[in-house]
Structures are given as C-alpha cells and as structure tokens.
C-alpha cells in the first residue's frame, strides 16, 4: 500500500507506509557531513544517503520480507524524498545507491587493474550489496546488477531528453564492457533492463509517483 508523505519543501512524495523504515530514512540522510556535502554534486550527494539507507538492518529486513519489486520501489521513493521531488536527482541518486560492483577489473597492457566504484569499506559494501533486491525479474538469475542498468538509463533519458541517445549510451556501455572489462560481455538482459529504465523515465515525467516496478517487462 502506498501512502502520501510530505517532504520539507511540501512537494508530495510517495513512499511505502512501512513504519519500520521511517526512522532509518531520517538517520540515513546527510551521510556526507556538512560542509563537505556542499562539494558533492546534487544527486550524488543523495546517492550516498541511499547507500546508507540500503546498508541499514531495517532495510535488510524489509528486503527479506517483501517482494523484490516492492524493495526496488522503496529505494526510488526514498531517493525522491531525499531529492525533494527533483526527478533527475532522484534517478541519479538511486543509480548511484544501487551500484553492485565494488570495483571493475580492467584489462591494462596485459595485466588486470581494479578500478574502485565505491569509497565504502568492504564490510559496508557487502552489507549494502546483500540488501539489494535480487530477483526483480523473477528469474533464477541474480538481478542485482539490473537495477543499476535500469536506473542509469532512466537517469540518462531524463538528463539527455532523447530516447535514442539514452538507448545508444546503454548499448555503448555494453560494448565497452565486452572490450575492456575482464570477464565482461554484451548481455542482452542488461540491454533489456536499460530499455525498461527508459520506459520508467517516461512514466515518471508524466506522473512523479510512478512505480519503477511497473515498467519492468519480461526479461528471460
């Protein structure tokens, strides 16, 4: 069930009416201390808050007792609240928050170079990673990485304003992974998640309280 709550700017934000998460939403805000937070771009700043929210035991319990698509929606709605209804910032924050790689192994002149994607401690990363919704597409495969594809494409569509450019960007990422990342390959399921994310961005532009999970389509 979805309940209406109000952000401090009086912008209507929709979030799950689960009281167990209310306190941790407040505690997870401002993960980057002031005034350092002023140096962090909008969207990324809220993304650090989303990472703190995801790593919390409270969200871990929510994720383990609710359907994966409900947990997916909850993360986005929380980002929307943190961003005071700014769609682009909320999508970027969600994408940043759900990144499920601690580092990316890159082929570098015959050797492997690990490029870090997070400043979290390894323990904190594992806590957050373990709380990411695992099967949003309800297949036997682990779908944690599909969340970052979905929200990255949604954010690109919102930022770039053109469907075809967002699709091209998503396809280029797949090509780069195949060419340069150790163990990387072009995954049609990633491309599918990219397109679902673009669809969600279009829905969210028309109605801010649109559920990300409603944009998911069968991804075998």
C-alpha atoms as a PDB file:
ATOM      1  CA  UNK A   1       0.000   0.000   0.000  1.00  0.00           C
ATOM      2  CA  UNK A   2       1.300   3.449  -0.938  1.00  0.00           C
ATOM      3  CA  UNK A   3       0.879   6.357   1.461  1.00  0.00           C
ATOM      4  CA  UNK A   4       1.357  10.052   0.834  1.00  0.00           C
ATOM      5  CA  UNK A   5       4.010  11.828   2.861  1.00  0.00           C
ATOM      6  CA  UNK A   6       5.329  15.367   2.550  1.00  0.00           C
ATOM      7  CA  UNK A   7       8.909  16.433   2.048  1.00  0.00           C
ATOM      8  CA  UNK A   8      10.196  19.521   3.802  1.00  0.00           C
ATOM      9  CA  UNK A   9       9.556  21.554   0.634  1.00  0.00           C
ATOM     10  CA  UNK A  10       5.870  20.489   0.632  1.00  0.00           C
ATOM     11  CA  UNK A  11       6.406  18.534  -2.591  1.00  0.00           C
ATOM     12  CA  UNK A  12       4.236  15.390  -2.494  1.00  0.00           C
ATOM     13  CA  UNK A  13       6.436  12.324  -2.335  1.00  0.00           C
ATOM     14  CA  UNK A  14       5.135   8.785  -2.290  1.00  0.00           C
ATOM     15  CA  UNK A  15       6.707   6.064  -0.203  1.00  0.00           C
ATOM     16  CA  UNK A  16       5.755   2.755   1.302  1.00  0.00           C
ATOM     17  CA  UNK A  17       3.771   3.093   4.532  1.00  0.00           C
ATOM     18  CA  UNK A  18       6.154   0.837   6.429  1.00  0.00           C
ATOM     19  CA  UNK A  19       6.786   2.418   9.818  1.00  0.00           C
ATOM     20  CA  UNK A  20       9.938   0.356  10.373  1.00  0.00           C
ATOM     21  CA  UNK A  21      11.704   2.398   7.689  1.00  0.00           C
ATOM     22  CA  UNK A  22      10.589   5.848   8.798  1.00  0.00           C
ATOM     23  CA  UNK A  23      13.350   6.337  11.379  1.00  0.00           C
ATOM     24  CA  UNK A  24      16.135   4.923   9.221  1.00  0.00           C
ATOM     25  CA  UNK A  25      15.181   7.280   6.388  1.00  0.00           C
ATOM     26  CA  UNK A  26      15.906  10.176   8.715  1.00  0.00           C
ATOM     27  CA  UNK A  27      19.081   8.628  10.143  1.00  0.00           C
ATOM     28  CA  UNK A  28      20.446   7.875   6.665  1.00  0.00           C
ATOM     29  CA  UNK A  29      20.123  11.461   5.477  1.00  0.00           C
ATOM     30  CA  UNK A  30      23.232  13.611   5.273  1.00  0.00           C
ATOM     31  CA  UNK A  31      25.651  10.675   5.135  1.00  0.00           C
ATOM     32  CA  UNK A  32      28.254  13.197   3.929  1.00  0.00           C
ATOM     33  CA  UNK A  33      28.845  15.722   6.714  1.00  0.00           C
ATOM     34  CA  UNK A  34      28.493  19.477   6.256  1.00  0.00           C
ATOM     35  CA  UNK A  35      30.309  21.432   4.792  1.00  0.00           C
ATOM     36  CA  UNK A  36      31.935  18.631   2.751  1.00  0.00           C
ATOM     37  CA  UNK A  37      28.487  17.826   1.399  1.00  0.00           C
ATOM     38  CA  UNK A  38      28.479  21.205  -0.375  1.00  0.00           C
ATOM     39  CA  UNK A  39      31.279  19.941  -2.618  1.00  0.00           C
ATOM     40  CA  UNK A  40      29.313  16.874  -3.738  1.00  0.00           C
ATOM     41  CA  UNK A  41      27.058  17.318  -6.795  1.00  0.00           C
ATOM     42  CA  UNK A  42      23.309  17.051  -6.315  1.00  0.00           C
ATOM     43  CA  UNK A  43      22.145  13.509  -6.989  1.00  0.00           C
ATOM     44  CA  UNK A  44      25.451  12.005  -5.930  1.00  0.00           C
ATOM     45  CA  UNK A  45      25.066  13.601  -2.501  1.00  0.00           C
ATOM     46  CA  UNK A  46      21.666  11.949  -2.102  1.00  0.00           C
ATOM     47  CA  UNK A  47      23.155   8.767  -3.542  1.00  0.00           C
ATOM     48  CA  UNK A  48      25.419   8.481  -0.505  1.00  0.00           C
ATOM     49  CA  UNK A  49      22.304   8.772   1.650  1.00  0.00           C
ATOM     50  CA  UNK A  50      20.669   5.973  -0.349  1.00  0.00           C
ATOM     51  CA  UNK A  51      23.718   3.776   0.210  1.00  0.00           C
ATOM     52  CA  UNK A  52      23.396   4.345   3.964  1.00  0.00           C
ATOM     53  CA  UNK A  53      19.681   3.557   3.748  1.00  0.00           C
ATOM     54  CA  UNK A  54      20.321   0.330   1.817  1.00  0.00           C
ATOM     55  CA  UNK A  55      23.034  -0.817   4.225  1.00  0.00           C
ATOM     56  CA  UNK A  56      20.790  -0.430   7.258  1.00  0.00           C
ATOM     57  CA  UNK A  57      19.494  -3.533   9.068  1.00  0.00           C
ATOM     58  CA  UNK A  58      15.978  -2.093   8.806  1.00  0.00           C
ATOM     59  CA  UNK A  59      16.048  -2.076   5.024  1.00  0.00           C
ATOM     60  CA  UNK A  60      17.659  -5.505   5.053  1.00  0.00           C
ATOM     61  CA  UNK A  61      14.656  -6.827   6.977  1.00  0.00           C
ATOM     62  CA  UNK A  62      12.267  -5.064   4.613  1.00  0.00           C
ATOM     63  CA  UNK A  63      14.024  -6.561   1.587  1.00  0.00           C
ATOM     64  CA  UNK A  64      13.921 -10.060   3.072  1.00  0.00           C
ATOM     65  CA  UNK A  65      10.187  -9.894   3.886  1.00  0.00           C
ATOM     66  CA  UNK A  66       8.803  -8.096   0.832  1.00  0.00           C
ATOM     67  CA  UNK A  67       8.717  -8.810  -2.892  1.00  0.00           C
ATOM     68  CA  UNK A  68      11.841  -7.596  -4.753  1.00  0.00           C
ATOM     69  CA  UNK A  69       9.844  -5.125  -6.810  1.00  0.00           C
ATOM     70  CA  UNK A  70       8.479  -3.569  -3.603  1.00  0.00           C
ATOM     71  CA  UNK A  71      12.024  -3.109  -2.320  1.00  0.00           C
ATOM     72  CA  UNK A  72      13.024  -1.619  -5.680  1.00  0.00           C
ATOM     73  CA  UNK A  73      10.177   0.903  -5.478  1.00  0.00           C
ATOM     74  CA  UNK A  74      11.060   1.727  -1.875  1.00  0.00           C
ATOM     75  CA  UNK A  75      14.624   2.699  -2.793  1.00  0.00           C
ATOM     76  CA  UNK A  76      13.455   5.016  -5.562  1.00  0.00           C
ATOM     77  CA  UNK A  77      10.719   6.637  -3.467  1.00  0.00           C
ATOM     78  CA  UNK A  78      13.235   7.263  -0.683  1.00  0.00           C
ATOM     79  CA  UNK A  79      15.599   8.904  -3.186  1.00  0.00           C
ATOM     80  CA  UNK A  80      12.708  11.008  -4.456  1.00  0.00           C
ATOM     81  CA  UNK A  81      12.041  12.165  -0.906  1.00  0.00           C
ATOM     82  CA  UNK A  82      15.709  12.962  -0.304  1.00  0.00           C
ATOM     83  CA  UNK A  83      15.730  14.951  -3.579  1.00  0.00           C
ATOM     84  CA  UNK A  84      12.547  16.896  -2.656  1.00  0.00           C
ATOM     85  CA  UNK A  85      10.786  15.709  -5.807  1.00  0.00           C
ATOM     86  CA  UNK A  86      13.583  16.538  -8.287  1.00  0.00           C
ATOM     87  CA  UNK A  87      13.275  13.622 -10.724  1.00  0.00           C
ATOM     88  CA  UNK A  88      16.742  13.805 -12.305  1.00  0.00           C
ATOM     89  CA  UNK A  89      18.464  13.956  -8.914  1.00  0.00           C
ATOM     90  CA  UNK A  90      16.332  11.096  -7.583  1.00  0.00           C
ATOM     91  CA  UNK A  91      17.179   8.857 -10.555  1.00  0.00           C
ATOM     92  CA  UNK A  92      20.888   9.649 -10.270  1.00  0.00           C
ATOM     93  CA  UNK A  93      20.811   9.046  -6.507  1.00  0.00           C
ATOM     94  CA  UNK A  94      19.078   5.702  -6.967  1.00  0.00           C
ATOM     95  CA  UNK A  95      21.514   4.627  -9.675  1.00  0.00           C
ATOM     96  CA  UNK A  96      24.478   5.619  -7.501  1.00  0.00           C
ATOM     97  CA  UNK A  97      22.981   3.880  -4.483  1.00  0.00           C
ATOM     98  CA  UNK A  98      22.344   0.532  -6.183  1.00  0.00           C
ATOM     99  CA  UNK A  99      25.734   0.113  -7.894  1.00  0.00           C
ATOM    100  CA  UNK A 100      26.553  -3.525  -7.172  1.00  0.00           C
ATOM    101  CA  UNK A 101      30.224  -3.626  -8.166  1.00  0.00           C
ATOM    102  CA  UNK A 102      32.855  -2.781  -5.591  1.00  0.00           C
ATOM    103  CA  UNK A 103      35.385  -2.374  -8.382  1.00  0.00           C
ATOM    104  CA  UNK A 104      35.695  -3.125 -12.088  1.00  0.00           C
ATOM    105  CA  UNK A 105      38.622  -5.239 -13.360  1.00  0.00           C
ATOM    106  CA  UNK A 106      40.026  -3.542 -16.461  1.00  0.00           C
ATOM    107  CA  UNK A 107      42.491  -5.091 -18.894  1.00  0.00           C
ATOM    108  CA  UNK A 108      45.560  -2.848 -18.862  1.00  0.00           C
ATOM    109  CA  UNK A 109      48.532  -3.748 -21.096  1.00  0.00           C
ATOM    110  CA  UNK A 110      48.262  -7.441 -20.392  1.00  0.00           C
ATOM    111  CA  UNK A 111      47.528  -7.086 -16.693  1.00  0.00           C
ATOM    112  CA  UNK A 112      44.378  -6.538 -14.632  1.00  0.00           C
ATOM    113  CA  UNK A 113      43.721  -3.214 -12.934  1.00  0.00           C
ATOM    114  CA  UNK A 114      40.879  -2.888 -10.416  1.00  0.00           C
ATOM    115  CA  UNK A 115      39.057   0.438 -10.702  1.00  0.00           C
ATOM    116  CA  UNK A 116      37.149   1.182  -7.451  1.00  0.00           C
ATOM    117  CA  UNK A 117      33.497   2.224  -7.746  1.00  0.00           C
ATOM    118  CA  UNK A 118      32.887   2.962  -4.087  1.00  0.00           C
ATOM    119  CA  UNK A 119      34.607   4.587  -1.135  1.00  0.00           C
ATOM    120  CA  UNK A 120      32.763   2.259   1.261  1.00  0.00           C
ATOM    121  CA  UNK A 121      34.645  -0.178   3.427  1.00  0.00           C
ATOM    122  CA  UNK A 122      34.475  -3.750   2.158  1.00  0.00           C
ATOM    123  CA  UNK A 123      32.225  -4.710   5.072  1.00  0.00           C
ATOM    124  CA  UNK A 124      29.842  -1.812   4.428  1.00  0.00           C
ATOM    125  CA  UNK A 125      29.752  -2.616   0.716  1.00  0.00           C
ATOM    126  CA  UNK A 126      28.821  -6.240   1.447  1.00  0.00           C
ATOM    127  CA  UNK A 127      26.052  -5.124   3.809  1.00  0.00           C
ATOM    128  CA  UNK A 128      24.565  -2.836   1.164  1.00  0.00           C
ATOM    129  CA  UNK A 129      25.064  -5.378  -1.619  1.00  0.00           C
ATOM    130  CA  UNK A 130      23.348  -8.113   0.370  1.00  0.00           C
ATOM    131  CA  UNK A 131      20.256  -5.904   0.754  1.00  0.00           C
ATOM    132  CA  UNK A 132      19.819  -5.138  -2.961  1.00  0.00           C
ATOM    133  CA  UNK A 133      16.684  -6.755  -4.434  1.00  0.00           C
ATOM    134  CA  UNK A 134      17.893  -9.970  -6.040  1.00  0.00           C
ATOM    135  CA  UNK A 135      15.183 -11.156  -8.434  1.00  0.00           C
ATOM    136  CA  UNK A 136      13.226  -8.161  -9.732  1.00  0.00           C
ATOM    137  CA  UNK A 137      12.623 -10.043 -12.994  1.00  0.00           C
ATOM    138  CA  UNK A 138      11.659 -13.236 -11.155  1.00  0.00           C
ATOM    139  CA  UNK A 139      14.130 -15.482 -12.941  1.00  0.00           C
ATOM    140  CA  UNK A 140      16.704 -17.834 -11.463  1.00  0.00           C
ATOM    141  CA  UNK A 141      19.471 -15.337 -12.253  1.00  0.00           C
ATOM    142  CA  UNK A 142      20.741 -12.768  -9.764  1.00  0.00           C
ATOM    143  CA  UNK A 143      19.271  -9.446 -10.940  1.00  0.00           C
ATOM    144  CA  UNK A 144      21.138  -7.118  -8.605  1.00  0.00           C
ATOM    145  CA  UNK A 145      23.140  -5.652 -11.485  1.00  0.00           C
ATOM    146  CA  UNK A 146      19.965  -4.973 -13.483  1.00  0.00           C
ATOM    147  CA  UNK A 147      18.985  -2.255 -11.016  1.00  0.00           C
ATOM    148  CA  UNK A 148      21.973  -0.101 -11.947  1.00  0.00           C
ATOM    149  CA  UNK A 149      21.247  -0.567 -15.662  1.00  0.00           C
ATOM    150  CA  UNK A 150      17.589   0.302 -15.151  1.00  0.00           C
ATOM    151  CA  UNK A 151      18.151   3.482 -13.157  1.00  0.00           C
ATOM    152  CA  UNK A 152      21.207   4.595 -15.149  1.00  0.00           C
ATOM    153  CA  UNK A 153      19.158   4.506 -18.352  1.00  0.00           C
ATOM    154  CA  UNK A 154      16.234   6.231 -16.638  1.00  0.00           C
ATOM    155  CA  UNK A 155      18.572   8.993 -15.476  1.00  0.00           C
ATOM    156  CA  UNK A 156      20.218   9.308 -18.908  1.00  0.00           C
ATOM    157  CA  UNK A 157      16.808   9.649 -20.544  1.00  0.00           C
ATOM    158  CA  UNK A 158      15.878  12.384 -18.076  1.00  0.00           C
ATOM    159  CA  UNK A 159      19.254  14.140 -18.390  1.00  0.00           C
ATOM    160  CA  UNK A 160      19.647  13.851 -22.175  1.00  0.00           C
ATOM    161  CA  UNK A 161      15.987  14.182 -23.053  1.00  0.00           C
ATOM    162  CA  UNK A 162      16.084  11.784 -26.017  1.00  0.00           C
ATOM    163  CA  UNK A 163      15.152   8.106 -26.005  1.00  0.00           C
ATOM    164  CA  UNK A 164      17.527   7.158 -28.811  1.00  0.00           C
ATOM    165  CA  UNK A 165      20.505   8.822 -27.157  1.00  0.00           C
ATOM    166  CA  UNK A 166      19.828   7.060 -23.864  1.00  0.00           C
ATOM    167  CA  UNK A 167      19.493   3.728 -25.721  1.00  0.00           C
ATOM    168  CA  UNK A 168      22.732   4.394 -27.594  1.00  0.00           C
ATOM    169  CA  UNK A 169      24.534   5.215 -24.334  1.00  0.00           C
ATOM    170  CA  UNK A 170      23.328   1.960 -22.769  1.00  0.00           C
ATOM    171  CA  UNK A 171      24.428  -0.061 -25.791  1.00  0.00           C
ATOM    172  CA  UNK A 172      27.837   1.626 -25.769  1.00  0.00           C
ATOM    173  CA  UNK A 173      28.321   0.645 -22.131  1.00  0.00           C
ATOM    174  CA  UNK A 174      27.721  -2.983 -23.109  1.00  0.00           C
ATOM    175  CA  UNK A 175      30.287  -2.726 -25.915  1.00  0.00           C
ATOM    176  CA  UNK A 176      32.863  -1.134 -23.597  1.00  0.00           C
ATOM    177  CA  UNK A 177      32.305  -3.885 -21.005  1.00  0.00           C
ATOM    178  CA  UNK A 178      32.848  -6.517 -23.673  1.00  0.00           C
ATOM    179  CA  UNK A 179      36.027  -4.904 -24.986  1.00  0.00           C
ATOM    180  CA  UNK A 180      37.813  -3.681 -21.869  1.00  0.00           C
ATOM    181  CA  UNK A 181      36.425  -5.253 -18.680  1.00  0.00           C
ATOM    182  CA  UNK A 182      37.903  -8.568 -17.595  1.00  0.00           C
ATOM    183  CA  UNK A 183      35.127 -11.131 -17.818  1.00  0.00           C
ATOM    184  CA  UNK A 184      32.769  -8.604 -19.387  1.00  0.00           C
ATOM    185  CA  UNK A 185      30.392  -9.458 -22.216  1.00  0.00           C
ATOM    186  CA  UNK A 186      27.423  -7.974 -24.014  1.00  0.00           C
ATOM    187  CA  UNK A 187      24.407  -9.116 -22.024  1.00  0.00           C
ATOM    188  CA  UNK A 188      21.005  -8.847 -23.755  1.00  0.00           C
ATOM    189  CA  UNK A 189      19.348  -8.875 -20.318  1.00  0.00           C
ATOM    190  CA  UNK A 190      21.271  -5.702 -19.434  1.00  0.00           C
ATOM    191  CA  UNK A 191      20.042  -4.065 -22.648  1.00  0.00           C
ATOM    192  CA  UNK A 192      16.510  -5.142 -21.742  1.00  0.00           C
ATOM    193  CA  UNK A 193      16.843  -3.527 -18.294  1.00  0.00           C
ATOM    194  CA  UNK A 194      18.164  -0.373 -19.983  1.00  0.00           C
ATOM    195  CA  UNK A 195      15.013  -0.146 -22.108  1.00  0.00           C
ATOM    196  CA  UNK A 196      12.769  -0.749 -19.118  1.00  0.00           C
ATOM    197  CA  UNK A 197      14.546   2.108 -17.349  1.00  0.00           C
ATOM    198  CA  UNK A 198      13.872   4.469 -20.258  1.00  0.00           C
ATOM    199  CA  UNK A 199      10.215   3.445 -20.172  1.00  0.00           C
ATOM    200  CA  UNK A 200      10.093   4.249 -16.475  1.00  0.00           C
ATOM    201  CA  UNK A 201      11.631   7.687 -17.013  1.00  0.00           C
ATOM    202  CA  UNK A 202       8.841   8.499 -19.472  1.00  0.00           C
ATOM    203  CA  UNK A 203       6.251   7.339 -16.932  1.00  0.00           C
ATOM    204  CA  UNK A 204       7.853   9.361 -14.121  1.00  0.00           C
ATOM    205  CA  UNK A 205       7.912  12.517 -16.260  1.00  0.00           C
ATOM    206  CA  UNK A 206       4.134  12.237 -16.620  1.00  0.00           C
ATOM    207  CA  UNK A 207       3.463  11.183 -13.023  1.00  0.00           C
ATOM    208  CA  UNK A 208       6.065  11.620 -10.306  1.00  0.00           C
ATOM    209  CA  UNK A 209       4.715   8.817  -8.141  1.00  0.00           C
ATOM    210  CA  UNK A 210       5.036   6.171 -10.882  1.00  0.00           C
ATOM    211  CA  UNK A 211       6.407   2.881  -9.603  1.00  0.00           C
ATOM    212  CA  UNK A 212       9.676   1.674 -11.190  1.00  0.00           C
ATOM    213  CA  UNK A 213       8.462  -1.906 -10.885  1.00  0.00           C
ATOM    214  CA  UNK A 214       5.515  -1.166 -13.183  1.00  0.00           C
ATOM    215  CA  UNK A 215       7.979  -0.502 -16.008  1.00  0.00           C
ATOM    216  CA  UNK A 216       9.554  -3.960 -15.710  1.00  0.00           C
ATOM    217  CA  UNK A 217       8.775  -6.299 -18.591  1.00  0.00           C
ATOM    218  CA  UNK A 218       9.571  -9.982 -19.023  1.00  0.00           C
ATOM    219  CA  UNK A 219      13.335 -10.359 -19.191  1.00  0.00           C
ATOM    220  CA  UNK A 220      14.188 -14.063 -19.640  1.00  0.00           C
END
